[in-house]
Amino acid sequence: MALITHVLFPIMCFDEQDKELWEDDPHEFVRKTFDIMEDYTSQRVAACNLIIDLCKKRTQTTLVPTLEMCVGVCILKTKKVFSIAASSSNCTYYWALAFQNVITLTFENVCQGT
């Protein structure tokens, strides 16, 4: 679980480079985020894929703690998001929601046997 919370999740978080690109050119940010060719070299995609594989292969020990971590981050960020709206750290909340959706979809696929 330490691998996910201390290494993989921070890689997936919205950072200063993302903030700068979003503010300078939102269209480029969206294009870069959803570019299929970017998936081959993106650290975020690699981190996300590793978490998905961990949850598929080690569902009992990985999925529930990962979801609990995501829920905890969401609760924490929800409390702070309105008080520090100008800070870049509140954007982590949105990445946590996306991360939680990926994990939830993976969980549904695992339960369905796909």
N, C-alpha and C. Protein backbone atom coordinates (compact mmCIF):
# COMPACT_ATOMS: atom_id res chain seq x y z
N MET A 1 0.82 -1.19 0.00
CA MET A 1 0.00 0.00 0.00
C MET A 1 0.86 1.26 0.00
N ALA A 2 2.04 1.17 0.62
CA ALA A 2 2.95 2.32 0.63
C ALA A 2 3.37 2.69 -0.79
N LEU A 3 3.53 1.69 -1.65
CA LEU A 3 3.88 1.95 -3.04
C LEU A 3 2.83 2.84 -3.70
N ILE A 4 1.57 2.54 -3.44
CA ILE A 4 0.49 3.32 -4.06
C ILE A 4 0.42 4.72 -3.45
N THR A 5 0.40 4.81 -2.12
CA THR A 5 0.20 6.11 -1.48
C THR A 5 1.40 7.05 -1.61
N HIS A 6 2.60 6.51 -1.58
CA HIS A 6 3.78 7.38 -1.55
C HIS A 6 4.48 7.53 -2.91
N VAL A 7 4.24 6.62 -3.83
CA VAL A 7 4.92 6.70 -5.12
C VAL A 7 3.94 6.91 -6.28
N LEU A 8 3.00 5.99 -6.45
CA LEU A 8 2.14 6.03 -7.63
C LEU A 8 1.12 7.16 -7.59
N PHE A 9 0.45 7.33 -6.46
CA PHE A 9 -0.56 8.39 -6.39
C PHE A 9 0.03 9.78 -6.62
N PRO A 10 1.17 10.12 -5.99
CA PRO A 10 1.76 11.44 -6.28
C PRO A 10 2.11 11.64 -7.76
N ILE A 11 2.50 10.58 -8.45
CA ILE A 11 2.80 10.69 -9.88
C ILE A 11 1.53 11.07 -10.65
N MET A 12 0.40 10.56 -10.20
CA MET A 12 -0.86 10.79 -10.91
C MET A 12 -1.48 12.15 -10.58
N CYS A 13 -0.98 12.84 -9.58
CA CYS A 13 -1.58 14.10 -9.14
C CYS A 13 -1.28 15.25 -10.09
N PHE A 14 -2.18 16.19 -10.11
CA PHE A 14 -2.05 17.43 -10.85
C PHE A 14 -0.90 18.22 -10.26
N ASP A 15 0.09 18.59 -11.08
CA ASP A 15 1.27 19.27 -10.56
C ASP A 15 1.41 20.67 -11.16
N GLU A 16 2.53 21.33 -10.83
CA GLU A 16 2.75 22.69 -11.30
C GLU A 16 2.84 22.78 -12.83
N GLN A 17 3.45 21.78 -13.47
CA GLN A 17 3.52 21.78 -14.93
C GLN A 17 2.13 21.69 -15.54
N ASP A 18 1.28 20.86 -14.95
CA ASP A 18 -0.10 20.74 -15.43
C ASP A 18 -0.84 22.06 -15.25
N LYS A 19 -0.65 22.67 -14.09
CA LYS A 19 -1.32 23.94 -13.81
C LYS A 19 -0.89 25.00 -14.82
N GLU A 20 0.41 25.06 -15.08
CA GLU A 20 0.94 26.05 -16.02
C GLU A 20 0.39 25.82 -17.42
N LEU A 21 0.39 24.57 -17.87
CA LEU A 21 -0.13 24.25 -19.21
C LEU A 21 -1.62 24.55 -19.27
N TRP A 22 -2.36 24.21 -18.23
CA TRP A 22 -3.80 24.46 -18.19
C TRP A 22 -4.10 25.97 -18.29
N GLU A 23 -3.32 26.76 -17.57
CA GLU A 23 -3.54 28.20 -17.59
C GLU A 23 -3.12 28.83 -18.91
N ASP A 24 -2.02 28.34 -19.51
CA ASP A 24 -1.51 28.90 -20.76
C ASP A 24 -2.30 28.44 -21.98
N ASP A 25 -2.61 27.16 -22.03
CA ASP A 25 -3.26 26.61 -23.22
C ASP A 25 -4.13 25.40 -22.83
N PRO A 26 -5.38 25.64 -22.44
CA PRO A 26 -6.25 24.54 -22.01
C PRO A 26 -6.48 23.49 -23.10
N HIS A 27 -6.52 23.93 -24.36
CA HIS A 27 -6.72 22.97 -25.45
C HIS A 27 -5.55 21.99 -25.55
N GLU A 28 -4.34 22.50 -25.39
CA GLU A 28 -3.15 21.64 -25.42
C GLU A 28 -3.14 20.70 -24.22
N PHE A 29 -3.57 21.18 -23.07
CA PHE A 29 -3.64 20.32 -21.89
C PHE A 29 -4.57 19.14 -22.14
N VAL A 30 -5.74 19.42 -22.68
CA VAL A 30 -6.71 18.35 -22.96
C VAL A 30 -6.16 17.42 -24.03
N ARG A 31 -5.56 17.97 -25.09
CA ARG A 31 -5.00 17.13 -26.15
C ARG A 31 -3.92 16.23 -25.59
N LYS A 32 -3.04 16.79 -24.78
CA LYS A 32 -1.94 16.02 -24.21
C LYS A 32 -2.45 14.95 -23.25
N THR A 33 -3.46 15.29 -22.47
CA THR A 33 -4.01 14.36 -21.49
C THR A 33 -4.67 13.16 -22.16
N PHE A 34 -5.30 13.37 -23.30
CA PHE A 34 -6.03 12.30 -23.97
C PHE A 34 -5.36 11.81 -25.25
N ASP A 35 -4.10 12.13 -25.44
CA ASP A 35 -3.35 11.69 -26.61
C ASP A 35 -2.94 10.23 -26.46
N ILE A 36 -3.35 9.40 -27.40
CA ILE A 36 -3.06 7.97 -27.33
C ILE A 36 -1.55 7.72 -27.40
N MET A 37 -0.84 8.47 -28.20
CA MET A 37 0.60 8.28 -28.32
C MET A 37 1.32 8.66 -27.02
N GLU A 38 0.75 9.58 -26.26
CA GLU A 38 1.33 10.00 -24.98
C GLU A 38 1.27 8.85 -23.97
N ASP A 39 0.32 7.95 -24.15
CA ASP A 39 0.15 6.82 -23.23
C ASP A 39 1.39 5.94 -23.16
N TYR A 40 2.16 5.88 -24.22
CA TYR A 40 3.33 5.02 -24.25
C TYR A 40 4.51 5.56 -23.43
N THR A 41 4.52 6.87 -23.20
CA THR A 41 5.64 7.47 -22.49
C THR A 41 5.23 8.17 -21.19
N SER A 42 3.95 8.16 -20.88
CA SER A 42 3.45 8.90 -19.73
C SER A 42 3.66 8.15 -18.42
N GLN A 43 4.24 8.83 -17.45
CA GLN A 43 4.40 8.25 -16.12
C GLN A 43 3.04 8.05 -15.46
N ARG A 44 2.11 8.96 -15.73
CA ARG A 44 0.77 8.83 -15.14
C ARG A 44 0.07 7.57 -15.63
N VAL A 45 0.15 7.32 -16.90
CA VAL A 45 -0.50 6.13 -17.45
C VAL A 45 0.16 4.87 -16.90
N ALA A 46 1.47 4.88 -16.81
CA ALA A 46 2.18 3.72 -16.26
C ALA A 46 1.78 3.48 -14.80
N ALA A 47 1.69 4.55 -14.01
CA ALA A 47 1.28 4.42 -12.61
C ALA A 47 -0.14 3.91 -12.50
N CYS A 48 -1.01 4.44 -13.31
CA CYS A 48 -2.41 4.01 -13.31
C CYS A 48 -2.53 2.54 -13.72
N ASN A 49 -1.79 2.15 -14.75
CA ASN A 49 -1.83 0.75 -15.19
C ASN A 49 -1.30 -0.20 -14.12
N LEU A 50 -0.26 0.22 -13.42
CA LEU A 50 0.27 -0.61 -12.34
C LEU A 50 -0.76 -0.78 -11.22
N ILE A 51 -1.43 0.30 -10.87
CA ILE A 51 -2.46 0.21 -9.83
C ILE A 51 -3.61 -0.69 -10.29
N ILE A 52 -4.01 -0.57 -11.53
CA ILE A 52 -5.07 -1.43 -12.07
C ILE A 52 -4.64 -2.90 -12.00
N ASP A 53 -3.41 -3.18 -12.42
CA ASP A 53 -2.91 -4.56 -12.37
C ASP A 53 -2.83 -5.08 -10.94
N LEU A 54 -2.37 -4.24 -10.02
CA LEU A 54 -2.32 -4.66 -8.62
C LEU A 54 -3.71 -4.98 -8.10
N CYS A 55 -4.67 -4.16 -8.44
CA CYS A 55 -6.04 -4.39 -7.97
C CYS A 55 -6.66 -5.63 -8.61
N LYS A 56 -6.29 -5.91 -9.84
CA LYS A 56 -6.81 -7.12 -10.50
C LYS A 56 -6.17 -8.38 -9.92
N LYS A 57 -4.86 -8.34 -9.73
CA LYS A 57 -4.13 -9.53 -9.29
C LYS A 57 -4.21 -9.75 -7.79
N ARG A 58 -4.28 -8.68 -7.03
CA ARG A 58 -4.30 -8.77 -5.56
C ARG A 58 -5.51 -8.02 -5.01
N THR A 59 -6.67 -8.41 -5.47
CA THR A 59 -7.90 -7.72 -5.13
C THR A 59 -8.13 -7.65 -3.63
N GLN A 60 -7.92 -8.76 -2.94
CA GLN A 60 -8.20 -8.81 -1.50
C GLN A 60 -7.34 -7.83 -0.70
N THR A 61 -6.09 -7.70 -1.07
CA THR A 61 -5.18 -6.88 -0.26
C THR A 61 -4.96 -5.47 -0.79
N THR A 62 -5.37 -5.20 -2.02
CA THR A 62 -5.05 -3.91 -2.63
C THR A 62 -6.27 -3.04 -2.89
N LEU A 63 -7.35 -3.62 -3.37
CA LEU A 63 -8.48 -2.82 -3.83
C LEU A 63 -9.12 -1.99 -2.72
N VAL A 64 -9.49 -2.63 -1.63
CA VAL A 64 -10.18 -1.91 -0.56
C VAL A 64 -9.29 -0.82 0.06
N PRO A 65 -8.02 -1.11 0.40
CA PRO A 65 -7.18 -0.02 0.93
C PRO A 65 -6.99 1.13 -0.07
N THR A 66 -6.92 0.80 -1.34
CA THR A 66 -6.76 1.84 -2.36
C THR A 66 -8.01 2.72 -2.43
N LEU A 67 -9.16 2.09 -2.42
CA LEU A 67 -10.41 2.86 -2.42
C LEU A 67 -10.54 3.70 -1.15
N GLU A 68 -10.15 3.14 -0.02
CA GLU A 68 -10.20 3.89 1.23
C GLU A 68 -9.28 5.10 1.18
N MET A 69 -8.09 4.94 0.59
CA MET A 69 -7.18 6.06 0.44
C MET A 69 -7.79 7.13 -0.45
N CYS A 70 -8.41 6.72 -1.55
CA CYS A 70 -9.04 7.68 -2.47
C CYS A 70 -10.18 8.43 -1.79
N VAL A 71 -11.00 7.70 -1.06
CA VAL A 71 -12.10 8.34 -0.34
C VAL A 71 -11.56 9.32 0.70
N GLY A 72 -10.50 8.92 1.40
CA GLY A 72 -9.88 9.81 2.38
C GLY A 72 -9.36 11.09 1.74
N VAL A 73 -8.70 10.96 0.59
CA VAL A 73 -8.19 12.14 -0.12
C VAL A 73 -9.36 13.01 -0.57
N CYS A 74 -10.40 12.39 -1.09
CA CYS A 74 -11.57 13.16 -1.54
C CYS A 74 -12.22 13.92 -0.39
N ILE A 75 -12.36 13.27 0.75
CA ILE A 75 -12.95 13.94 1.92
C ILE A 75 -12.06 15.10 2.37
N LEU A 76 -10.77 14.85 2.44
CA LEU A 76 -9.84 15.90 2.84
C LEU A 76 -9.88 17.08 1.88
N LYS A 77 -9.83 16.79 0.60
CA LYS A 77 -9.83 17.85 -0.40
C LYS A 77 -11.17 18.56 -0.47
N THR A 78 -12.26 17.85 -0.24
CA THR A 78 -13.57 18.47 -0.25
C THR A 78 -13.66 19.52 0.85
N LYS A 79 -13.08 19.22 2.00
CA LYS A 79 -13.08 20.17 3.11
C LYS A 79 -12.24 21.40 2.79
N LYS A 80 -11.19 21.22 2.03
CA LYS A 80 -10.26 22.31 1.75
C LYS A 80 -10.55 23.04 0.43
N VAL A 81 -11.27 22.41 -0.48
CA VAL A 81 -11.36 22.93 -1.84
C VAL A 81 -11.95 24.34 -1.90
N PHE A 82 -12.89 24.64 -1.07
CA PHE A 82 -13.49 25.97 -1.12
C PHE A 82 -12.65 27.01 -0.39
N SER A 83 -11.88 26.57 0.60
CA SER A 83 -11.07 27.53 1.35
C SER A 83 -9.76 27.87 0.66
N ILE A 84 -9.27 26.99 -0.22
CA ILE A 84 -8.00 27.26 -0.90
C ILE A 84 -8.16 27.09 -2.41
N ALA A 85 -9.21 27.66 -2.96
CA ALA A 85 -9.53 27.49 -4.38
C ALA A 85 -8.41 27.96 -5.30
N ALA A 86 -7.63 28.92 -4.89
CA ALA A 86 -6.56 29.44 -5.75
C ALA A 86 -5.32 28.56 -5.72
N SER A 87 -5.24 27.64 -4.79
CA SER A 87 -4.05 26.79 -4.65
C SER A 87 -4.08 25.65 -5.65
N SER A 88 -2.93 25.24 -6.11
CA SER A 88 -2.87 24.12 -7.05
C SER A 88 -3.16 22.80 -6.37
N SER A 89 -2.99 22.72 -5.05
CA SER A 89 -3.20 21.46 -4.35
C SER A 89 -4.64 21.00 -4.38
N ASN A 90 -5.59 21.94 -4.59
CA ASN A 90 -6.99 21.51 -4.63
C ASN A 90 -7.30 20.70 -5.90
N CYS A 91 -6.46 20.80 -6.90
CA CYS A 91 -6.67 20.05 -8.13
C CYS A 91 -6.42 18.56 -7.91
N THR A 92 -5.70 18.23 -6.87
CA THR A 92 -5.47 16.82 -6.53
C THR A 92 -6.79 16.12 -6.29
N TYR A 93 -7.76 16.85 -5.78
CA TYR A 93 -9.10 16.30 -5.53
C TYR A 93 -9.68 15.72 -6.81
N TYR A 94 -9.56 16.44 -7.92
CA TYR A 94 -10.14 15.98 -9.18
C TYR A 94 -9.40 14.76 -9.72
N TRP A 95 -8.09 14.72 -9.53
CA TRP A 95 -7.34 13.54 -9.93
C TRP A 95 -7.72 12.34 -9.06
N ALA A 96 -7.98 12.59 -7.78
CA ALA A 96 -8.40 11.51 -6.88
C ALA A 96 -9.74 10.95 -7.32
N LEU A 97 -10.64 11.82 -7.77
CA LEU A 97 -11.93 11.32 -8.27
C LEU A 97 -11.73 10.47 -9.52
N ALA A 98 -10.88 10.94 -10.42
CA ALA A 98 -10.62 10.15 -11.63
C ALA A 98 -9.97 8.81 -11.26
N PHE A 99 -9.03 8.86 -10.35
CA PHE A 99 -8.35 7.66 -9.87
C PHE A 99 -9.35 6.69 -9.26
N GLN A 100 -10.26 7.22 -8.45
CA GLN A 100 -11.27 6.39 -7.82
C GLN A 100 -12.19 5.77 -8.87
N ASN A 101 -12.54 6.53 -9.90
CA ASN A 101 -13.39 5.98 -10.97
C ASN A 101 -12.69 4.85 -11.70
N VAL A 102 -11.41 5.01 -11.96
CA VAL A 102 -10.65 3.94 -12.62
C VAL A 102 -10.64 2.69 -11.77
N ILE A 103 -10.39 2.85 -10.49
CA ILE A 103 -10.35 1.71 -9.58
C ILE A 103 -11.73 1.06 -9.48
N THR A 104 -12.78 1.87 -9.41
CA THR A 104 -14.14 1.33 -9.33
C THR A 104 -14.49 0.54 -10.58
N LEU A 105 -14.15 1.09 -11.74
CA LEU A 105 -14.40 0.37 -13.00
C LEU A 105 -13.62 -0.93 -13.05
N THR A 106 -12.39 -0.89 -12.57
CA THR A 106 -11.57 -2.10 -12.52
C THR A 106 -12.20 -3.13 -11.60
N PHE A 107 -12.68 -2.67 -10.46
CA PHE A 107 -13.34 -3.55 -9.51
C PHE A 107 -14.57 -4.20 -10.14
N GLU A 108 -15.36 -3.41 -10.86
CA GLU A 108 -16.54 -3.96 -11.53
C GLU A 108 -16.14 -5.00 -12.57
N ASN A 109 -15.08 -4.73 -13.33
CA ASN A 109 -14.61 -5.68 -14.34
C ASN A 109 -14.11 -6.96 -13.69
N VAL A 110 -13.41 -6.84 -12.58
CA VAL A 110 -12.90 -8.01 -11.88
C VAL A 110 -14.07 -8.85 -11.36
N CYS A 111 -15.07 -8.18 -10.81
CA CYS A 111 -16.24 -8.89 -10.28
C CYS A 111 -17.02 -9.59 -11.37
N GLN A 112 -17.04 -9.00 -12.57
CA GLN A 112 -17.76 -9.59 -13.70
C GLN A 112 -16.91 -10.64 -14.41
N GLY A 113 -15.66 -10.73 -14.06
CA GLY A 113 -14.78 -11.73 -14.66
C GLY A 113 -14.22 -11.33 -16.00
N THR A 114 -14.22 -10.03 -16.34
CA THR A 114 -13.65 -9.59 -17.61
C THR A 114 -12.23 -9.12 -17.44
